[in-house]
Structure formats: structure tokens, C-alpha cells
């Protein structure tokens, strides 16, 4: 029989009030508190916290505080990834971010979702869908990435967009809902 955490990571319905998940979120919040309250010139301390907080990370990874996430262990980032101020990652399911990705201020990445059926939802059950961001992507300020979306390599997502569907590689996409504006060429 699977634990609620195993169900969560597998994208199945799970109870977010399971004691193990409450403990994991508390540990994450304590690390976030340390990170968000740290001094701007204490980069070594911040890097140590990021290593404890984020599951897998490449070289030259940086997050400007404040930053918020649910667990941290479900976030994987490549090389040269930068998060600007006030980003939120609800990493109930895996969030995979490629190399050389720029994430502007106030970006929200939501893997968490809830059943449409009110009787299931009222039982406190939820689930999540993974999000993947390819390499060399630029996500503009205030963008919301909805559960299950994939952003292709080298694409640009315009500020304020709500991404509800996959975006292919090599495009500029924007709007609510986000749609392809044009193809990028070298």
C-alpha cells in the first residue's frame, strides 16, 4: 500500500494532511524562512540553504528572496537558472527546469490541482501534474504556469500570461490564455 507521499509524487489522489507531508512542508517552510530572512551579502549561507531546500540543482543557480514552495524536493533545476523576486512553486508534483532559464518576478508555477467532483474534493483529496520548462527559456513577470504544462526549449512566455496548455520550442507566446504569437528564428 502506498503512502500519501508516494501517491502525491505519482500524481494520484492523496490526502495532503498526512503527517509525513505536514512534516515535510514544515521543514520546507523553516528553510524558506531562513532563506527569505537572510542578508543579501551572505551568499554562501544562501547557497547552503538552497542545497538543502531544492532537490537537484546545477551550477550557477540563484533565487532572489522572497521565494516560496511547498516541498523543494520535487524541484529539479539545470545549470545557470535564475529566479527573480517573489516567485512561488507549488511542487506537489515534479517541476523540472532546464539549463539557462530566466524566471522573472512574481512567476507562479502550480503543479497542484483539485478534483472537479465536489464530493471527492470535500474529502480533502487532491492531486498534481508535473511541469517541465525546457532550456534557454525566458518566463516573463507575473506568469502563471498551470498544472501539467510543458514549455519547449528557447521559448519566451510574455509577462502576465496564464499558460494552460503546452507551448512548443522556439516561440514567443503570451496572453490569457497563453497562445503562440510568433515563431523565433536565429
C-alpha atoms as a PDB file:
ATOM      1  CA  UNK A   1       0.000   0.000   0.000  1.00  0.00           C
ATOM      2  CA  UNK A   2       1.360   3.429  -0.981  1.00  0.00           C
ATOM      3  CA  UNK A   3       1.938   6.232   1.484  1.00  0.00           C
ATOM      4  CA  UNK A   4       0.205   9.560   0.863  1.00  0.00           C
ATOM      5  CA  UNK A   5       3.602  10.988  -0.155  1.00  0.00           C
ATOM      6  CA  UNK A   6       4.111   8.204  -2.710  1.00  0.00           C
ATOM      7  CA  UNK A   7       0.616   8.837  -4.082  1.00  0.00           C
ATOM      8  CA  UNK A   8       1.340  12.571  -4.265  1.00  0.00           C
ATOM      9  CA  UNK A   9       4.556  12.129  -6.221  1.00  0.00           C
ATOM     10  CA  UNK A  10       2.870   9.592  -8.555  1.00  0.00           C
ATOM     11  CA  UNK A  11       0.138  12.126  -9.436  1.00  0.00           C
ATOM     12  CA  UNK A  12      -2.608  10.124  -7.729  1.00  0.00           C
ATOM     13  CA  UNK A  13      -5.281  11.413  -5.368  1.00  0.00           C
ATOM     14  CA  UNK A  14      -3.752  11.842  -1.918  1.00  0.00           C
ATOM     15  CA  UNK A  15      -4.504  13.424   1.449  1.00  0.00           C
ATOM     16  CA  UNK A  16      -2.302  16.500   1.943  1.00  0.00           C
ATOM     17  CA  UNK A  17      -2.966  16.380   5.695  1.00  0.00           C
ATOM     18  CA  UNK A  18      -0.987  13.164   6.159  1.00  0.00           C
ATOM     19  CA  UNK A  19       1.510  13.625   8.994  1.00  0.00           C
ATOM     20  CA  UNK A  20       4.551  12.900   6.788  1.00  0.00           C
ATOM     21  CA  UNK A  21       3.528  15.617   4.313  1.00  0.00           C
ATOM     22  CA  UNK A  22       2.786  18.106   7.074  1.00  0.00           C
ATOM     23  CA  UNK A  23       6.279  17.457   8.468  1.00  0.00           C
ATOM     24  CA  UNK A  24       7.860  17.851   5.001  1.00  0.00           C
ATOM     25  CA  UNK A  25       6.061  21.174   4.447  1.00  0.00           C
ATOM     26  CA  UNK A  26       7.098  22.417   7.875  1.00  0.00           C
ATOM     27  CA  UNK A  27      10.750  21.570   7.174  1.00  0.00           C
ATOM     28  CA  UNK A  28      10.487  23.399   3.857  1.00  0.00           C
ATOM     29  CA  UNK A  29       8.891  26.461   5.495  1.00  0.00           C
ATOM     30  CA  UNK A  30      11.648  26.621   8.096  1.00  0.00           C
ATOM     31  CA  UNK A  31      14.317  26.609   5.380  1.00  0.00           C
ATOM     32  CA  UNK A  32      12.366  29.218   3.393  1.00  0.00           C
ATOM     33  CA  UNK A  33      12.152  31.426   6.478  1.00  0.00           C
ATOM     34  CA  UNK A  34      15.929  31.254   6.887  1.00  0.00           C
ATOM     35  CA  UNK A  35      16.477  31.950   3.198  1.00  0.00           C
ATOM     36  CA  UNK A  36      13.974  34.792   2.914  1.00  0.00           C
ATOM     37  CA  UNK A  37      15.274  36.457   6.095  1.00  0.00           C
ATOM     38  CA  UNK A  38      18.961  36.131   5.155  1.00  0.00           C
ATOM     39  CA  UNK A  39      21.232  39.079   4.441  1.00  0.00           C
ATOM     40  CA  UNK A  40      21.747  39.978   0.761  1.00  0.00           C
ATOM     41  CA  UNK A  41      25.533  39.838   1.207  1.00  0.00           C
ATOM     42  CA  UNK A  42      25.527  36.370   2.808  1.00  0.00           C
ATOM     43  CA  UNK A  43      25.597  34.449  -0.465  1.00  0.00           C
ATOM     44  CA  UNK A  44      27.400  31.405   0.954  1.00  0.00           C
ATOM     45  CA  UNK A  45      24.722  30.968   3.635  1.00  0.00           C
ATOM     46  CA  UNK A  46      22.000  31.305   0.991  1.00  0.00           C
ATOM     47  CA  UNK A  47      23.684  28.721  -1.241  1.00  0.00           C
ATOM     48  CA  UNK A  48      23.867  26.280   1.691  1.00  0.00           C
ATOM     49  CA  UNK A  49      20.128  26.681   2.299  1.00  0.00           C
ATOM     50  CA  UNK A  50      19.319  26.230  -1.406  1.00  0.00           C
ATOM     51  CA  UNK A  51      21.298  22.967  -1.412  1.00  0.00           C
ATOM     52  CA  UNK A  52      19.139  21.693   1.471  1.00  0.00           C
ATOM     53  CA  UNK A  53      15.899  23.048   0.005  1.00  0.00           C
ATOM     54  CA  UNK A  54      15.953  22.242  -3.724  1.00  0.00           C
ATOM     55  CA  UNK A  55      16.036  18.572  -4.767  1.00  0.00           C
ATOM     56  CA  UNK A  56      18.547  18.707  -7.628  1.00  0.00           C
ATOM     57  CA  UNK A  57      20.364  21.734  -8.950  1.00  0.00           C
ATOM     58  CA  UNK A  58      23.099  22.576 -11.424  1.00  0.00           C
ATOM     59  CA  UNK A  59      25.843  25.174 -11.125  1.00  0.00           C
ATOM     60  CA  UNK A  60      25.049  28.900 -11.040  1.00  0.00           C
ATOM     61  CA  UNK A  61      21.568  28.533  -9.601  1.00  0.00           C
ATOM     62  CA  UNK A  62      20.130  31.542  -7.809  1.00  0.00           C
ATOM     63  CA  UNK A  63      16.813  32.610  -6.304  1.00  0.00           C
ATOM     64  CA  UNK A  64      16.116  36.177  -5.192  1.00  0.00           C
ATOM     65  CA  UNK A  65      14.130  36.183  -1.958  1.00  0.00           C
ATOM     66  CA  UNK A  66      11.367  36.094  -1.122  1.00  0.00           C
ATOM     67  CA  UNK A  67      10.705  32.664  -2.590  1.00  0.00           C
ATOM     68  CA  UNK A  68       8.036  30.131  -1.652  1.00  0.00           C
ATOM     69  CA  UNK A  69       7.484  26.453  -2.416  1.00  0.00           C
ATOM     70  CA  UNK A  70       5.647  23.501  -0.876  1.00  0.00           C
ATOM     71  CA  UNK A  71       8.381  20.897  -0.550  1.00  0.00           C
ATOM     72  CA  UNK A  72      11.507  21.791  -2.529  1.00  0.00           C
ATOM     73  CA  UNK A  73      12.480  18.151  -3.062  1.00  0.00           C
ATOM     74  CA  UNK A  74      10.276  17.970  -6.168  1.00  0.00           C
ATOM     75  CA  UNK A  75      12.158  20.820  -7.908  1.00  0.00           C
ATOM     76  CA  UNK A  76      14.979  19.999 -10.337  1.00  0.00           C
ATOM     77  CA  UNK A  77      16.953  22.809 -11.982  1.00  0.00           C
ATOM     78  CA  UNK A  78      19.731  22.736 -14.544  1.00  0.00           C
ATOM     79  CA  UNK A  79      22.776  24.978 -14.956  1.00  0.00           C
ATOM     80  CA  UNK A  80      22.526  28.785 -14.941  1.00  0.00           C
ATOM     81  CA  UNK A  81      18.969  29.134 -13.655  1.00  0.00           C
ATOM     82  CA  UNK A  82      17.792  32.432 -12.163  1.00  0.00           C
ATOM     83  CA  UNK A  83      14.562  33.174 -10.263  1.00  0.00           C
ATOM     84  CA  UNK A  84      13.812  36.843  -9.665  1.00  0.00           C
ATOM     85  CA  UNK A  85      11.896  38.176  -6.632  1.00  0.00           C
ATOM     86  CA  UNK A  86       8.664  36.774  -5.197  1.00  0.00           C
ATOM     87  CA  UNK A  87       8.250  33.514  -7.104  1.00  0.00           C
ATOM     88  CA  UNK A  88       6.022  30.636  -5.958  1.00  0.00           C
ATOM     89  CA  UNK A  89       6.474  26.976  -6.902  1.00  0.00           C
ATOM     90  CA  UNK A  90       3.779  24.576  -5.696  1.00  0.00           C
ATOM     91  CA  UNK A  91       5.924  21.487  -6.227  1.00  0.00           C
ATOM     92  CA  UNK A  92       3.450  18.807  -5.225  1.00  0.00           C
ATOM     93  CA  UNK A  93       4.468  17.008  -8.454  1.00  0.00           C
ATOM     94  CA  UNK A  94       7.911  17.311 -10.067  1.00  0.00           C
ATOM     95  CA  UNK A  95       8.938  20.669 -11.528  1.00  0.00           C
ATOM     96  CA  UNK A  96      11.802  20.199 -13.984  1.00  0.00           C
ATOM     97  CA  UNK A  97      13.653  23.270 -15.247  1.00  0.00           C
ATOM     98  CA  UNK A  98      16.338  23.019 -17.935  1.00  0.00           C
ATOM     99  CA  UNK A  99      19.586  24.985 -18.367  1.00  0.00           C
ATOM    100  CA  UNK A 100      19.921  28.760 -18.747  1.00  0.00           C
ATOM    101  CA  UNK A 101      16.354  29.594 -17.723  1.00  0.00           C
ATOM    102  CA  UNK A 102      15.347  33.098 -16.633  1.00  0.00           C
ATOM    103  CA  UNK A 103      12.286  33.409 -14.415  1.00  0.00           C
ATOM    104  CA  UNK A 104      11.073  36.972 -13.853  1.00  0.00           C
ATOM    105  CA  UNK A 105       9.471  38.379 -10.671  1.00  0.00           C
ATOM    106  CA  UNK A 106       6.120  37.109  -9.410  1.00  0.00           C
ATOM    107  CA  UNK A 107       6.092  33.948 -11.520  1.00  0.00           C
ATOM    108  CA  UNK A 108       3.832  31.230 -10.136  1.00  0.00           C
ATOM    109  CA  UNK A 109       4.334  27.570 -11.004  1.00  0.00           C
ATOM    110  CA  UNK A 110       1.425  25.400  -9.868  1.00  0.00           C
ATOM    111  CA  UNK A 111       1.526  21.601 -10.123  1.00  0.00           C
ATOM    112  CA  UNK A 112      -1.227  21.222  -7.503  1.00  0.00           C
ATOM    113  CA  UNK A 113      -4.825  20.789  -8.585  1.00  0.00           C
ATOM    114  CA  UNK A 114      -8.098  19.532  -7.166  1.00  0.00           C
ATOM    115  CA  UNK A 115     -10.826  17.135  -8.335  1.00  0.00           C
ATOM    116  CA  UNK A 116     -13.728  18.728 -10.165  1.00  0.00           C
ATOM    117  CA  UNK A 117     -16.140  16.450  -8.324  1.00  0.00           C
ATOM    118  CA  UNK A 118     -17.126  18.282  -5.134  1.00  0.00           C
ATOM    119  CA  UNK A 119     -17.678  15.088  -3.129  1.00  0.00           C
ATOM    120  CA  UNK A 120     -14.098  13.940  -3.740  1.00  0.00           C
ATOM    121  CA  UNK A 121     -12.756  17.462  -3.189  1.00  0.00           C
ATOM    122  CA  UNK A 122     -14.689  17.765   0.104  1.00  0.00           C
ATOM    123  CA  UNK A 123     -12.838  14.702   1.429  1.00  0.00           C
ATOM    124  CA  UNK A 124      -9.612  16.738   1.347  1.00  0.00           C
ATOM    125  CA  UNK A 125      -8.168  14.802  -1.569  1.00  0.00           C
ATOM    126  CA  UNK A 126      -6.062  16.493  -4.225  1.00  0.00           C
ATOM    127  CA  UNK A 127      -3.541  15.574  -6.896  1.00  0.00           C
ATOM    128  CA  UNK A 128      -0.915  17.202  -9.087  1.00  0.00           C
ATOM    129  CA  UNK A 129       0.512  17.219 -12.594  1.00  0.00           C
ATOM    130  CA  UNK A 130       4.231  17.789 -13.320  1.00  0.00           C
ATOM    131  CA  UNK A 131       5.536  20.900 -15.066  1.00  0.00           C
ATOM    132  CA  UNK A 132       8.557  20.950 -17.380  1.00  0.00           C
ATOM    133  CA  UNK A 133      10.390  24.073 -18.555  1.00  0.00           C
ATOM    134  CA  UNK A 134      12.942  23.449 -21.308  1.00  0.00           C
ATOM    135  CA  UNK A 135      16.393  25.006 -21.634  1.00  0.00           C
ATOM    136  CA  UNK A 136      17.079  28.627 -22.652  1.00  0.00           C
ATOM    137  CA  UNK A 137      13.539  29.679 -21.746  1.00  0.00           C
ATOM    138  CA  UNK A 138      12.572  33.138 -20.517  1.00  0.00           C
ATOM    139  CA  UNK A 139       9.409  33.371 -18.413  1.00  0.00           C
ATOM    140  CA  UNK A 140       8.163  36.974 -18.097  1.00  0.00           C
ATOM    141  CA  UNK A 141       6.938  38.714 -14.952  1.00  0.00           C
ATOM    142  CA  UNK A 142       3.698  37.614 -13.360  1.00  0.00           C
ATOM    143  CA  UNK A 143       3.301  34.478 -15.481  1.00  0.00           C
ATOM    144  CA  UNK A 144       1.200  31.607 -14.117  1.00  0.00           C
ATOM    145  CA  UNK A 145       2.071  28.066 -15.239  1.00  0.00           C
ATOM    146  CA  UNK A 146      -0.895  25.735 -14.658  1.00  0.00           C
ATOM    147  CA  UNK A 147      -0.633  22.045 -13.720  1.00  0.00           C
ATOM    148  CA  UNK A 148       0.786  19.706 -16.344  1.00  0.00           C
ATOM    149  CA  UNK A 149       2.177  22.222 -18.847  1.00  0.00           C
ATOM    150  CA  UNK A 150       5.442  21.907 -20.752  1.00  0.00           C
ATOM    151  CA  UNK A 151       7.387  24.852 -22.155  1.00  0.00           C
ATOM    152  CA  UNK A 152       9.652  23.971 -25.090  1.00  0.00           C
ATOM    153  CA  UNK A 153      13.331  24.925 -25.376  1.00  0.00           C
ATOM    154  CA  UNK A 154      14.241  28.513 -26.246  1.00  0.00           C
ATOM    155  CA  UNK A 155      10.681  29.820 -25.958  1.00  0.00           C
ATOM    156  CA  UNK A 156       9.646  33.115 -24.371  1.00  0.00           C
ATOM    157  CA  UNK A 157       6.478  33.497 -22.302  1.00  0.00           C
ATOM    158  CA  UNK A 158       5.249  37.097 -22.207  1.00  0.00           C
ATOM    159  CA  UNK A 159       4.593  38.912 -18.941  1.00  0.00           C
ATOM    160  CA  UNK A 160       1.219  38.318 -17.314  1.00  0.00           C
ATOM    161  CA  UNK A 161       0.447  35.173 -19.304  1.00  0.00           C
ATOM    162  CA  UNK A 162      -1.594  32.258 -17.959  1.00  0.00           C
ATOM    163  CA  UNK A 163      -0.210  29.078 -19.505  1.00  0.00           C
ATOM    164  CA  UNK A 164      -2.907  26.391 -19.574  1.00  0.00           C
ATOM    165  CA  UNK A 165      -1.544  24.238 -22.434  1.00  0.00           C
ATOM    166  CA  UNK A 166       1.859  23.093 -23.679  1.00  0.00           C
ATOM    167  CA  UNK A 167       3.979  25.657 -25.521  1.00  0.00           C
ATOM    168  CA  UNK A 168       6.354  24.263 -28.192  1.00  0.00           C
ATOM    169  CA  UNK A 169      10.025  25.135 -28.635  1.00  0.00           C
ATOM    170  CA  UNK A 170      11.206  28.319 -30.341  1.00  0.00           C
ATOM    171  CA  UNK A 171       8.132  30.524 -29.987  1.00  0.00           C
ATOM    172  CA  UNK A 172       7.005  33.706 -28.273  1.00  0.00           C
ATOM    173  CA  UNK A 173       3.720  33.067 -26.501  1.00  0.00           C
ATOM    174  CA  UNK A 174       1.602  35.410 -24.398  1.00  0.00           C
ATOM    175  CA  UNK A 175      -1.877  36.166 -23.153  1.00  0.00           C
ATOM    176  CA  UNK A 176      -4.649  34.729 -21.022  1.00  0.00           C
ATOM    177  CA  UNK A 177      -4.917  32.019 -22.029  1.00  0.00           C
ATOM    178  CA  UNK A 178      -1.370  31.962 -23.370  1.00  0.00           C
ATOM    179  CA  UNK A 179      -1.110  31.400 -27.112  1.00  0.00           C
ATOM    180  CA  UNK A 180       1.669  31.456 -29.703  1.00  0.00           C
ATOM    181  CA  UNK A 181       2.356  34.969 -31.024  1.00  0.00           C
ATOM    182  CA  UNK A 182       5.199  34.141 -33.376  1.00  0.00           C
ATOM    183  CA  UNK A 183       7.981  31.692 -34.157  1.00  0.00           C
ATOM    184  CA  UNK A 184      11.543  32.557 -33.182  1.00  0.00           C
ATOM    185  CA  UNK A 185      14.331  32.255 -35.759  1.00  0.00           C
ATOM    186  CA  UNK A 186      18.063  32.717 -35.458  1.00  0.00           C
END
